[in-house]
């Protein structure tokens, strides 16, 4: 028995906690104007009655990758993940990040403001239907690589060649960038 659905929050929106079990891919069925605090509601076919309400940083990613006309997003797919490093009031609380998007041909690197005066490179992978059959636990291997930048880089190349999930590639790339120059 898979008990994943039993931990779904009672909410009208997708929450970071929904992604604790790992990244998930969703199909956009509609986009509508939201509230002043959350101005964009993205409807997803896999979670009827609930919406993804992207934070400003993720709205910037969507615009950089898909353009400004939200009606064009319908039918496109996105892989979302819970990024435990997302900060709120100076503390890591976790938040929803985009790992991959359909309708892009190659990885997109977007330099975004993360805090006042600090920018970071954010990488979005192209969403493909290719499946990783390697059986490797990429995130466990990333943890074993520790602070060895060369090992993390090699792991990234291996994961890409094996068609690892886009969210996994994003996490490995972010760790490499962090080790390479203090950018996450």
N, C-alpha and C. Protein backbone atom coordinates (compact mmCIF):
# COMPACT_ATOMS: atom_id res chain seq x y z
N UNK A 1 0.84 -1.18 0.00
CA UNK A 1 0.00 0.00 0.00
C UNK A 1 0.88 1.24 0.00
N UNK A 2 0.68 2.11 -0.97
CA UNK A 2 1.40 3.38 -1.04
C UNK A 2 0.59 4.41 -0.25
N UNK A 3 1.18 4.96 0.80
CA UNK A 3 0.46 5.89 1.66
C UNK A 3 0.74 7.36 1.33
N UNK A 4 1.36 7.62 0.17
CA UNK A 4 1.71 8.98 -0.22
C UNK A 4 0.51 9.92 -0.14
N UNK A 5 -0.63 9.50 -0.67
CA UNK A 5 -1.81 10.37 -0.69
C UNK A 5 -2.33 10.71 0.70
N UNK A 6 -1.95 9.94 1.70
CA UNK A 6 -2.45 10.20 3.05
C UNK A 6 -1.77 11.38 3.73
N UNK A 7 -0.67 11.88 3.14
CA UNK A 7 0.03 13.02 3.74
C UNK A 7 -0.24 14.31 2.98
N UNK A 8 -1.15 14.28 2.02
CA UNK A 8 -1.47 15.47 1.24
C UNK A 8 -2.15 16.49 2.15
N UNK A 9 -1.62 17.71 2.21
CA UNK A 9 -2.25 18.74 3.04
C UNK A 9 -3.65 19.08 2.53
N UNK A 10 -4.51 19.46 3.43
CA UNK A 10 -5.85 19.90 3.07
C UNK A 10 -5.73 21.36 2.66
N UNK A 11 -5.54 21.59 1.38
CA UNK A 11 -5.24 22.92 0.90
C UNK A 11 -5.71 23.07 -0.53
N UNK A 12 -5.95 24.32 -0.93
CA UNK A 12 -6.33 24.61 -2.31
C UNK A 12 -5.13 24.81 -3.20
N UNK A 13 -3.93 24.72 -2.63
CA UNK A 13 -2.72 24.93 -3.42
C UNK A 13 -1.73 23.81 -3.20
N UNK A 14 -0.86 23.62 -4.16
CA UNK A 14 0.23 22.67 -4.05
C UNK A 14 1.22 23.24 -3.04
N UNK A 15 1.69 22.41 -2.11
CA UNK A 15 2.62 22.83 -1.08
C UNK A 15 3.93 22.07 -1.21
N UNK A 16 5.00 22.64 -0.67
CA UNK A 16 6.31 21.98 -0.71
C UNK A 16 6.23 20.60 -0.07
N UNK A 17 5.39 20.45 0.94
CA UNK A 17 5.25 19.15 1.61
C UNK A 17 4.72 18.07 0.67
N UNK A 18 3.98 18.48 -0.37
CA UNK A 18 3.48 17.51 -1.35
C UNK A 18 4.61 16.84 -2.11
N UNK A 19 5.79 17.46 -2.08
CA UNK A 19 6.92 16.97 -2.86
C UNK A 19 8.00 16.35 -1.97
N UNK A 20 7.66 16.01 -0.73
CA UNK A 20 8.63 15.39 0.17
C UNK A 20 9.09 14.03 -0.34
N UNK A 21 8.24 13.33 -1.06
CA UNK A 21 8.60 12.01 -1.55
C UNK A 21 9.45 12.07 -2.81
N UNK A 22 9.64 13.28 -3.34
CA UNK A 22 10.48 13.46 -4.51
C UNK A 22 9.81 14.34 -5.54
N UNK A 23 10.53 14.66 -6.60
CA UNK A 23 9.99 15.52 -7.64
C UNK A 23 8.81 14.86 -8.35
N UNK A 24 7.91 15.70 -8.87
CA UNK A 24 6.75 15.19 -9.61
C UNK A 24 6.57 16.05 -10.85
N UNK A 25 6.08 15.42 -11.89
CA UNK A 25 5.83 16.12 -13.15
C UNK A 25 4.33 16.34 -13.30
N UNK A 26 3.98 17.56 -13.71
CA UNK A 26 2.59 17.97 -13.84
C UNK A 26 2.34 18.56 -15.23
N UNK A 27 1.08 18.51 -15.66
CA UNK A 27 0.67 19.08 -16.93
C UNK A 27 -0.23 20.28 -16.65
N UNK A 28 0.08 21.41 -17.26
CA UNK A 28 -0.68 22.64 -17.06
C UNK A 28 -2.00 22.55 -17.83
N UNK A 29 -3.11 22.80 -17.12
CA UNK A 29 -4.42 22.80 -17.78
C UNK A 29 -5.02 24.19 -17.87
N UNK A 30 -4.44 25.15 -17.14
CA UNK A 30 -4.94 26.51 -17.19
C UNK A 30 -4.14 27.41 -16.28
N UNK A 31 -4.21 28.70 -16.56
CA UNK A 31 -3.54 29.70 -15.72
C UNK A 31 -4.54 30.83 -15.51
N UNK A 32 -4.68 31.27 -14.26
CA UNK A 32 -5.59 32.37 -13.98
C UNK A 32 -4.96 33.36 -13.02
N UNK A 33 -5.52 34.56 -13.03
CA UNK A 33 -5.07 35.59 -12.11
C UNK A 33 -5.44 35.18 -10.70
N UNK A 34 -4.50 35.37 -9.78
CA UNK A 34 -4.73 34.98 -8.39
C UNK A 34 -5.03 36.18 -7.51
N UNK A 35 -4.38 36.23 -6.37
CA UNK A 35 -4.59 37.28 -5.38
C UNK A 35 -3.39 38.23 -5.40
N UNK A 36 -3.45 39.27 -4.59
CA UNK A 36 -2.32 40.21 -4.51
C UNK A 36 -1.06 39.50 -4.00
N UNK A 37 -1.21 38.62 -3.02
CA UNK A 37 -0.05 37.90 -2.47
C UNK A 37 0.44 36.79 -3.39
N UNK A 38 -0.47 36.14 -4.07
CA UNK A 38 -0.14 35.04 -4.98
C UNK A 38 -0.84 35.31 -6.31
N UNK A 39 -0.19 36.11 -7.18
CA UNK A 39 -0.88 36.61 -8.37
C UNK A 39 -1.12 35.62 -9.50
N UNK A 40 -0.51 34.44 -9.45
CA UNK A 40 -0.68 33.48 -10.54
C UNK A 40 -1.08 32.12 -9.97
N UNK A 41 -2.20 31.59 -10.48
CA UNK A 41 -2.66 30.25 -10.11
C UNK A 41 -2.53 29.37 -11.36
N UNK A 42 -1.72 28.34 -11.26
CA UNK A 42 -1.54 27.41 -12.38
C UNK A 42 -2.26 26.11 -12.05
N UNK A 43 -3.23 25.76 -12.88
CA UNK A 43 -4.00 24.54 -12.69
C UNK A 43 -3.24 23.37 -13.31
N UNK A 44 -3.21 22.24 -12.61
CA UNK A 44 -2.45 21.07 -13.03
C UNK A 44 -3.38 19.86 -13.11
N UNK A 45 -3.27 19.10 -14.18
CA UNK A 45 -4.19 17.98 -14.38
C UNK A 45 -4.04 16.91 -13.30
N UNK A 46 -2.86 16.76 -12.74
CA UNK A 46 -2.61 15.68 -11.77
C UNK A 46 -3.13 15.99 -10.37
N UNK A 47 -3.48 17.25 -10.11
CA UNK A 47 -4.01 17.62 -8.78
C UNK A 47 -5.25 18.50 -8.97
N UNK A 48 -6.36 17.92 -9.42
CA UNK A 48 -7.57 18.71 -9.67
C UNK A 48 -8.03 19.41 -8.38
N UNK A 49 -8.48 20.64 -8.54
CA UNK A 49 -8.98 21.39 -7.39
C UNK A 49 -7.90 22.11 -6.59
N UNK A 50 -6.64 21.89 -6.96
CA UNK A 50 -5.52 22.55 -6.28
C UNK A 50 -4.69 23.24 -7.35
N UNK A 51 -4.02 24.33 -6.99
CA UNK A 51 -3.22 25.06 -7.96
C UNK A 51 -1.79 25.21 -7.48
N UNK A 52 -0.90 25.32 -8.44
CA UNK A 52 0.49 25.69 -8.15
C UNK A 52 0.53 27.20 -8.21
N UNK A 53 1.03 27.81 -7.13
CA UNK A 53 1.10 29.27 -7.03
C UNK A 53 2.57 29.66 -6.93
N UNK A 54 3.22 29.81 -8.07
CA UNK A 54 4.68 30.03 -8.05
C UNK A 54 5.08 31.34 -7.40
N UNK A 55 6.16 31.27 -6.63
CA UNK A 55 6.74 32.48 -6.04
C UNK A 55 7.33 33.33 -7.17
N UNK A 56 7.68 34.55 -6.85
CA UNK A 56 8.18 35.49 -7.85
C UNK A 56 9.39 34.94 -8.61
N UNK A 57 10.31 34.30 -7.90
CA UNK A 57 11.49 33.74 -8.55
C UNK A 57 11.10 32.70 -9.59
N UNK A 58 10.14 31.83 -9.27
CA UNK A 58 9.73 30.80 -10.21
C UNK A 58 8.89 31.40 -11.34
N UNK A 59 8.18 32.50 -11.09
CA UNK A 59 7.48 33.19 -12.19
C UNK A 59 8.49 33.77 -13.16
N UNK A 60 9.61 34.26 -12.64
CA UNK A 60 10.68 34.76 -13.51
C UNK A 60 11.26 33.64 -14.36
N UNK A 61 11.41 32.47 -13.77
CA UNK A 61 11.91 31.30 -14.51
C UNK A 61 10.93 30.95 -15.63
N UNK A 62 9.63 30.91 -15.31
CA UNK A 62 8.63 30.59 -16.32
C UNK A 62 8.67 31.59 -17.48
N UNK A 63 8.79 32.87 -17.16
CA UNK A 63 8.85 33.89 -18.21
C UNK A 63 10.12 33.72 -19.06
N UNK A 64 11.24 33.44 -18.40
CA UNK A 64 12.50 33.27 -19.14
C UNK A 64 12.44 32.06 -20.07
N UNK A 65 11.72 31.04 -19.68
CA UNK A 65 11.68 29.80 -20.47
C UNK A 65 10.49 29.71 -21.42
N UNK A 66 9.33 30.17 -20.98
CA UNK A 66 8.11 29.99 -21.75
C UNK A 66 7.51 31.29 -22.27
N UNK A 67 8.02 32.42 -21.85
CA UNK A 67 7.48 33.69 -22.30
C UNK A 67 6.44 34.26 -21.34
N UNK A 68 5.91 35.42 -21.70
CA UNK A 68 5.01 36.15 -20.80
C UNK A 68 3.54 35.81 -20.97
N UNK A 69 3.16 35.19 -22.08
CA UNK A 69 1.75 34.90 -22.34
C UNK A 69 1.37 33.56 -21.70
N UNK A 70 0.70 33.64 -20.55
CA UNK A 70 0.39 32.45 -19.77
C UNK A 70 -0.55 31.49 -20.48
N UNK A 71 -1.37 31.98 -21.39
CA UNK A 71 -2.29 31.07 -22.10
C UNK A 71 -1.51 30.05 -22.93
N UNK A 72 -0.27 30.37 -23.30
CA UNK A 72 0.56 29.43 -24.05
C UNK A 72 1.06 28.28 -23.19
N UNK A 73 0.94 28.37 -21.88
CA UNK A 73 1.44 27.33 -20.97
C UNK A 73 0.55 26.09 -20.98
N UNK A 74 -0.69 26.22 -21.37
CA UNK A 74 -1.63 25.10 -21.34
C UNK A 74 -1.12 23.96 -22.20
N UNK A 75 -1.11 22.76 -21.61
CA UNK A 75 -0.62 21.57 -22.30
C UNK A 75 0.86 21.30 -22.08
N UNK A 76 1.56 22.27 -21.55
CA UNK A 76 2.99 22.09 -21.27
C UNK A 76 3.16 21.39 -19.93
N UNK A 77 4.36 20.83 -19.72
CA UNK A 77 4.61 20.08 -18.49
C UNK A 77 5.77 20.69 -17.71
N UNK A 78 5.73 20.47 -16.40
CA UNK A 78 6.78 20.96 -15.52
C UNK A 78 7.05 19.94 -14.42
N UNK A 79 8.32 19.81 -14.07
CA UNK A 79 8.70 18.97 -12.94
C UNK A 79 9.04 19.91 -11.79
N UNK A 80 8.36 19.70 -10.67
CA UNK A 80 8.54 20.52 -9.48
C UNK A 80 9.18 19.68 -8.39
N UNK A 81 9.97 20.34 -7.52
CA UNK A 81 10.57 19.64 -6.40
C UNK A 81 10.60 20.54 -5.18
N UNK A 82 10.77 19.93 -4.02
CA UNK A 82 10.86 20.64 -2.76
C UNK A 82 12.33 20.96 -2.52
N UNK A 83 12.68 22.23 -2.62
CA UNK A 83 14.05 22.68 -2.37
C UNK A 83 14.14 23.09 -0.90
N UNK A 84 14.79 22.27 -0.10
CA UNK A 84 14.88 22.49 1.34
C UNK A 84 15.70 23.73 1.70
N UNK A 85 16.43 24.31 0.74
CA UNK A 85 17.26 25.48 1.04
C UNK A 85 16.53 26.80 0.87
N UNK A 86 15.28 26.77 0.41
CA UNK A 86 14.52 28.00 0.25
C UNK A 86 14.35 28.66 1.62
N UNK A 87 14.68 29.96 1.66
CA UNK A 87 14.68 30.70 2.92
C UNK A 87 13.42 31.55 3.06
N UNK A 88 12.97 31.70 4.30
CA UNK A 88 11.90 32.63 4.64
C UNK A 88 12.26 33.22 5.99
N UNK A 89 12.33 34.53 6.07
CA UNK A 89 12.69 35.23 7.31
C UNK A 89 14.03 34.74 7.85
N UNK A 90 14.97 34.46 6.91
CA UNK A 90 16.32 34.08 7.31
C UNK A 90 16.49 32.64 7.73
N UNK A 91 15.45 31.83 7.57
CA UNK A 91 15.54 30.42 7.97
C UNK A 91 15.15 29.53 6.80
N UNK A 92 15.85 28.39 6.65
CA UNK A 92 15.47 27.46 5.57
C UNK A 92 14.14 26.77 5.90
N UNK A 93 13.15 26.99 5.06
CA UNK A 93 11.83 26.41 5.29
C UNK A 93 11.40 25.46 4.17
N UNK A 94 12.11 25.50 3.07
CA UNK A 94 11.74 24.68 1.92
C UNK A 94 10.71 25.40 1.07
N UNK A 95 10.72 25.09 -0.19
CA UNK A 95 9.76 25.70 -1.11
C UNK A 95 9.78 24.98 -2.44
N UNK A 96 8.79 25.25 -3.24
CA UNK A 96 8.65 24.58 -4.53
C UNK A 96 9.51 25.29 -5.57
N UNK A 97 10.33 24.50 -6.25
CA UNK A 97 11.18 25.00 -7.33
C UNK A 97 10.88 24.20 -8.60
N UNK A 98 11.17 24.81 -9.72
CA UNK A 98 11.02 24.15 -11.02
C UNK A 98 12.34 23.49 -11.38
N UNK A 99 12.30 22.19 -11.64
CA UNK A 99 13.50 21.46 -12.04
C UNK A 99 13.60 21.34 -13.55
N UNK A 100 12.44 21.17 -14.21
CA UNK A 100 12.45 20.94 -15.65
C UNK A 100 11.16 21.44 -16.26
N UNK A 101 11.26 21.82 -17.53
CA UNK A 101 10.10 22.29 -18.29
C UNK A 101 10.10 21.66 -19.67
N UNK A 102 8.92 21.34 -20.16
CA UNK A 102 8.81 20.93 -21.55
C UNK A 102 8.95 22.19 -22.41
N UNK A 103 9.05 22.00 -23.69
CA UNK A 103 9.10 23.10 -24.65
C UNK A 103 10.35 23.98 -24.52
N UNK A 104 11.43 23.41 -23.97
CA UNK A 104 12.74 24.05 -24.07
C UNK A 104 13.69 22.99 -24.62
N UNK A 105 14.61 23.41 -25.47
CA UNK A 105 15.48 22.46 -26.17
C UNK A 105 16.72 22.05 -25.39
N UNK A 106 17.15 22.92 -24.49
CA UNK A 106 18.37 22.64 -23.73
C UNK A 106 18.23 23.27 -22.35
N UNK A 107 19.15 22.93 -21.46
CA UNK A 107 19.12 23.50 -20.11
C UNK A 107 19.21 25.01 -20.20
N UNK A 108 18.44 25.68 -19.38
CA UNK A 108 18.44 27.15 -19.32
C UNK A 108 19.06 27.56 -18.00
N UNK A 109 20.06 28.43 -18.08
CA UNK A 109 20.70 28.98 -16.89
C UNK A 109 20.24 30.42 -16.75
N UNK A 110 19.59 30.73 -15.63
CA UNK A 110 19.01 32.04 -15.41
C UNK A 110 19.61 32.62 -14.14
N UNK A 111 20.18 33.80 -14.24
CA UNK A 111 20.78 34.47 -13.09
C UNK A 111 19.69 35.29 -12.40
N UNK A 112 19.31 34.89 -11.18
CA UNK A 112 18.20 35.52 -10.48
C UNK A 112 18.62 36.08 -9.13
N UNK A 113 17.92 37.10 -8.68
CA UNK A 113 18.14 37.64 -7.34
C UNK A 113 17.54 36.68 -6.32
N UNK A 114 18.35 36.31 -5.32
CA UNK A 114 17.86 35.41 -4.27
C UNK A 114 17.65 36.15 -2.96
N UNK A 115 18.47 37.13 -2.68
CA UNK A 115 18.29 38.03 -1.55
C UNK A 115 18.80 39.39 -1.99
N UNK A 116 18.50 40.38 -1.21
CA UNK A 116 18.94 41.73 -1.58
C UNK A 116 20.45 41.75 -1.80
N UNK A 117 20.86 42.11 -3.01
CA UNK A 117 22.27 42.22 -3.34
C UNK A 117 22.95 40.91 -3.69
N UNK A 118 22.21 39.79 -3.68
CA UNK A 118 22.83 38.51 -4.00
C UNK A 118 22.06 37.83 -5.13
N UNK A 119 22.82 37.43 -6.14
CA UNK A 119 22.23 36.73 -7.27
C UNK A 119 22.78 35.31 -7.32
N UNK A 120 22.02 34.42 -7.92
CA UNK A 120 22.45 33.04 -8.06
C UNK A 120 21.98 32.50 -9.40
N UNK A 121 22.73 31.56 -9.90
CA UNK A 121 22.39 30.91 -11.16
C UNK A 121 21.37 29.81 -10.87
N UNK A 122 20.27 29.83 -11.60
CA UNK A 122 19.24 28.82 -11.46
C UNK A 122 19.17 28.05 -12.78
N UNK A 123 19.21 26.73 -12.70
CA UNK A 123 19.25 25.90 -13.90
C UNK A 123 17.94 25.12 -14.04
N UNK A 124 17.34 25.20 -15.22
CA UNK A 124 16.13 24.43 -15.54
C UNK A 124 16.49 23.49 -16.67
N UNK A 125 16.20 22.22 -16.47
CA UNK A 125 16.50 21.20 -17.47
C UNK A 125 15.33 21.04 -18.43
N UNK A 126 15.60 20.60 -19.67
CA UNK A 126 14.49 20.29 -20.57
C UNK A 126 13.80 19.01 -20.11
N UNK A 127 12.51 19.00 -20.16
CA UNK A 127 11.74 17.83 -19.73
C UNK A 127 11.57 16.90 -20.93
N UNK A 128 12.09 15.73 -20.79
CA UNK A 128 12.00 14.73 -21.86
C UNK A 128 11.28 13.50 -21.34
N UNK A 129 10.95 12.61 -22.22
CA UNK A 129 10.27 11.38 -21.83
C UNK A 129 11.24 10.22 -21.67
N UNK A 130 12.56 10.50 -21.76
CA UNK A 130 13.56 9.46 -21.61
C UNK A 130 13.63 9.03 -20.15
N UNK A 131 13.79 7.74 -19.91
CA UNK A 131 13.77 7.20 -18.56
C UNK A 131 15.15 6.71 -18.15
N UNK A 132 15.53 7.02 -16.93
CA UNK A 132 16.79 6.54 -16.34
C UNK A 132 16.59 5.10 -15.90
N UNK A 133 17.32 4.19 -16.52
CA UNK A 133 17.23 2.78 -16.15
C UNK A 133 18.50 2.30 -15.46
N UNK A 134 19.33 3.24 -15.01
CA UNK A 134 20.62 2.88 -14.41
C UNK A 134 20.47 2.22 -13.04
N UNK A 135 19.38 2.53 -12.34
CA UNK A 135 19.19 1.99 -11.00
C UNK A 135 20.06 2.67 -9.94
N UNK A 136 20.77 3.71 -10.32
CA UNK A 136 21.66 4.40 -9.37
C UNK A 136 20.87 5.40 -8.53
N UNK A 137 21.28 5.55 -7.28
CA UNK A 137 20.70 6.55 -6.39
C UNK A 137 21.60 7.78 -6.47
N UNK A 138 21.28 8.67 -7.40
CA UNK A 138 22.13 9.82 -7.70
C UNK A 138 22.31 10.74 -6.51
N UNK A 139 21.26 10.95 -5.74
CA UNK A 139 21.35 11.87 -4.61
C UNK A 139 22.19 11.29 -3.48
N UNK A 140 22.14 9.98 -3.30
CA UNK A 140 23.01 9.34 -2.30
C UNK A 140 24.47 9.45 -2.74
N UNK A 141 24.72 9.27 -4.04
CA UNK A 141 26.08 9.42 -4.55
C UNK A 141 26.56 10.87 -4.43
N UNK A 142 25.65 11.81 -4.61
CA UNK A 142 26.00 13.22 -4.44
C UNK A 142 26.42 13.48 -2.99
N UNK A 143 25.70 12.92 -2.08
CA UNK A 143 26.05 13.09 -0.66
C UNK A 143 27.42 12.49 -0.37
N UNK A 144 27.71 11.34 -0.96
CA UNK A 144 29.02 10.71 -0.76
C UNK A 144 30.15 11.54 -1.37
N UNK A 145 29.86 12.27 -2.43
CA UNK A 145 30.88 13.10 -3.08
C UNK A 145 31.30 14.26 -2.18
N UNK A 146 30.44 14.63 -1.25
CA UNK A 146 30.78 15.67 -0.28
C UNK A 146 31.17 16.98 -0.95
N UNK A 147 32.34 17.50 -0.56
CA UNK A 147 32.82 18.79 -1.06
C UNK A 147 33.81 18.64 -2.21
N UNK A 148 33.91 17.45 -2.79
CA UNK A 148 34.84 17.20 -3.88
C UNK A 148 34.20 17.67 -5.20
N UNK A 149 34.58 18.86 -5.64
CA UNK A 149 33.98 19.47 -6.83
C UNK A 149 34.14 18.59 -8.06
N UNK A 150 35.32 17.97 -8.23
CA UNK A 150 35.55 17.11 -9.40
C UNK A 150 34.63 15.89 -9.37
N UNK A 151 34.44 15.32 -8.18
CA UNK A 151 33.56 14.16 -8.05
C UNK A 151 32.11 14.54 -8.36
N UNK A 152 31.70 15.72 -7.90
CA UNK A 152 30.34 16.18 -8.18
C UNK A 152 30.16 16.43 -9.67
N UNK A 153 31.19 17.02 -10.31
CA UNK A 153 31.12 17.26 -11.75
C UNK A 153 31.01 15.93 -12.51
N UNK A 154 31.83 14.96 -12.16
CA UNK A 154 31.79 13.65 -12.81
C UNK A 154 30.44 12.98 -12.61
N UNK A 155 29.89 13.12 -11.42
CA UNK A 155 28.59 12.55 -11.14
C UNK A 155 27.52 13.19 -12.02
N UNK A 156 27.63 14.50 -12.21
CA UNK A 156 26.68 15.20 -13.08
C UNK A 156 26.73 14.70 -14.51
N UNK A 157 27.94 14.49 -15.03
CA UNK A 157 28.08 13.96 -16.39
C UNK A 157 27.47 12.55 -16.49
N UNK A 158 27.73 11.73 -15.48
CA UNK A 158 27.20 10.36 -15.48
C UNK A 158 25.67 10.37 -15.40
N UNK A 159 25.13 11.23 -14.55
CA UNK A 159 23.68 11.30 -14.39
C UNK A 159 23.01 11.78 -15.67
N UNK A 160 23.62 12.75 -16.33
CA UNK A 160 23.06 13.25 -17.58
C UNK A 160 23.09 12.17 -18.66
N UNK A 161 24.20 11.45 -18.75
CA UNK A 161 24.32 10.39 -19.74
C UNK A 161 23.31 9.26 -19.50
N UNK A 162 22.96 9.05 -18.23
CA UNK A 162 22.02 7.99 -17.87
C UNK A 162 20.56 8.46 -17.91
N UNK A 163 20.35 9.71 -18.31
CA UNK A 163 19.00 10.29 -18.38
C UNK A 163 18.33 10.33 -17.01
N UNK A 164 19.08 10.76 -16.00
CA UNK A 164 18.51 10.92 -14.66
C UNK A 164 17.39 11.94 -14.71
N UNK A 165 16.52 11.90 -13.73
CA UNK A 165 15.40 12.84 -13.67
C UNK A 165 15.93 14.27 -13.69
N UNK A 166 15.21 15.17 -14.35
CA UNK A 166 15.65 16.56 -14.41
C UNK A 166 15.89 17.18 -13.03
N UNK A 167 15.07 16.85 -12.06
CA UNK A 167 15.26 17.40 -10.71
C UNK A 167 16.59 16.96 -10.13
N UNK A 168 16.99 15.73 -10.40
CA UNK A 168 18.27 15.22 -9.92
C UNK A 168 19.41 15.99 -10.58
N UNK A 169 19.31 16.20 -11.89
CA UNK A 169 20.34 16.97 -12.60
C UNK A 169 20.44 18.39 -12.05
N UNK A 170 19.31 18.98 -11.72
CA UNK A 170 19.30 20.34 -11.17
C UNK A 170 19.98 20.38 -9.81
N UNK A 171 19.71 19.40 -8.96
CA UNK A 171 20.32 19.37 -7.63
C UNK A 171 21.84 19.18 -7.75
N UNK A 172 22.27 18.28 -8.62
CA UNK A 172 23.70 18.05 -8.81
C UNK A 172 24.36 19.31 -9.37
N UNK A 173 23.73 19.94 -10.37
CA UNK A 173 24.29 21.16 -10.97
C UNK A 173 24.39 22.28 -9.93
N UNK A 174 23.37 22.44 -9.11
CA UNK A 174 23.38 23.47 -8.07
C UNK A 174 24.51 23.23 -7.08
N UNK A 175 24.73 21.97 -6.70
CA UNK A 175 25.82 21.66 -5.77
C UNK A 175 27.17 21.96 -6.41
N UNK A 176 27.32 21.60 -7.69
CA UNK A 176 28.57 21.89 -8.40
C UNK A 176 28.83 23.39 -8.43
N UNK A 177 27.81 24.17 -8.78
CA UNK A 177 27.97 25.62 -8.84
C UNK A 177 28.32 26.20 -7.47
N UNK A 178 27.72 25.64 -6.44
CA UNK A 178 28.03 26.08 -5.08
C UNK A 178 29.50 25.85 -4.75
N UNK A 179 30.00 24.67 -5.10
CA UNK A 179 31.41 24.34 -4.83
C UNK A 179 32.35 25.12 -5.73
N UNK A 180 31.91 25.45 -6.93
CA UNK A 180 32.77 26.13 -7.89
C UNK A 180 32.99 27.60 -7.59
N UNK A 181 32.04 28.19 -6.90
CA UNK A 181 32.24 29.63 -6.68
C UNK A 181 31.33 30.24 -5.65
N UNK A 182 30.78 29.44 -4.79
CA UNK A 182 29.92 29.98 -3.76
C UNK A 182 28.54 30.37 -4.25
N UNK A 183 28.18 29.95 -5.46
CA UNK A 183 26.86 30.26 -5.99
C UNK A 183 26.02 29.00 -5.92
N UNK A 184 24.78 29.15 -5.47
CA UNK A 184 23.90 27.98 -5.42
C UNK A 184 22.76 28.13 -6.37
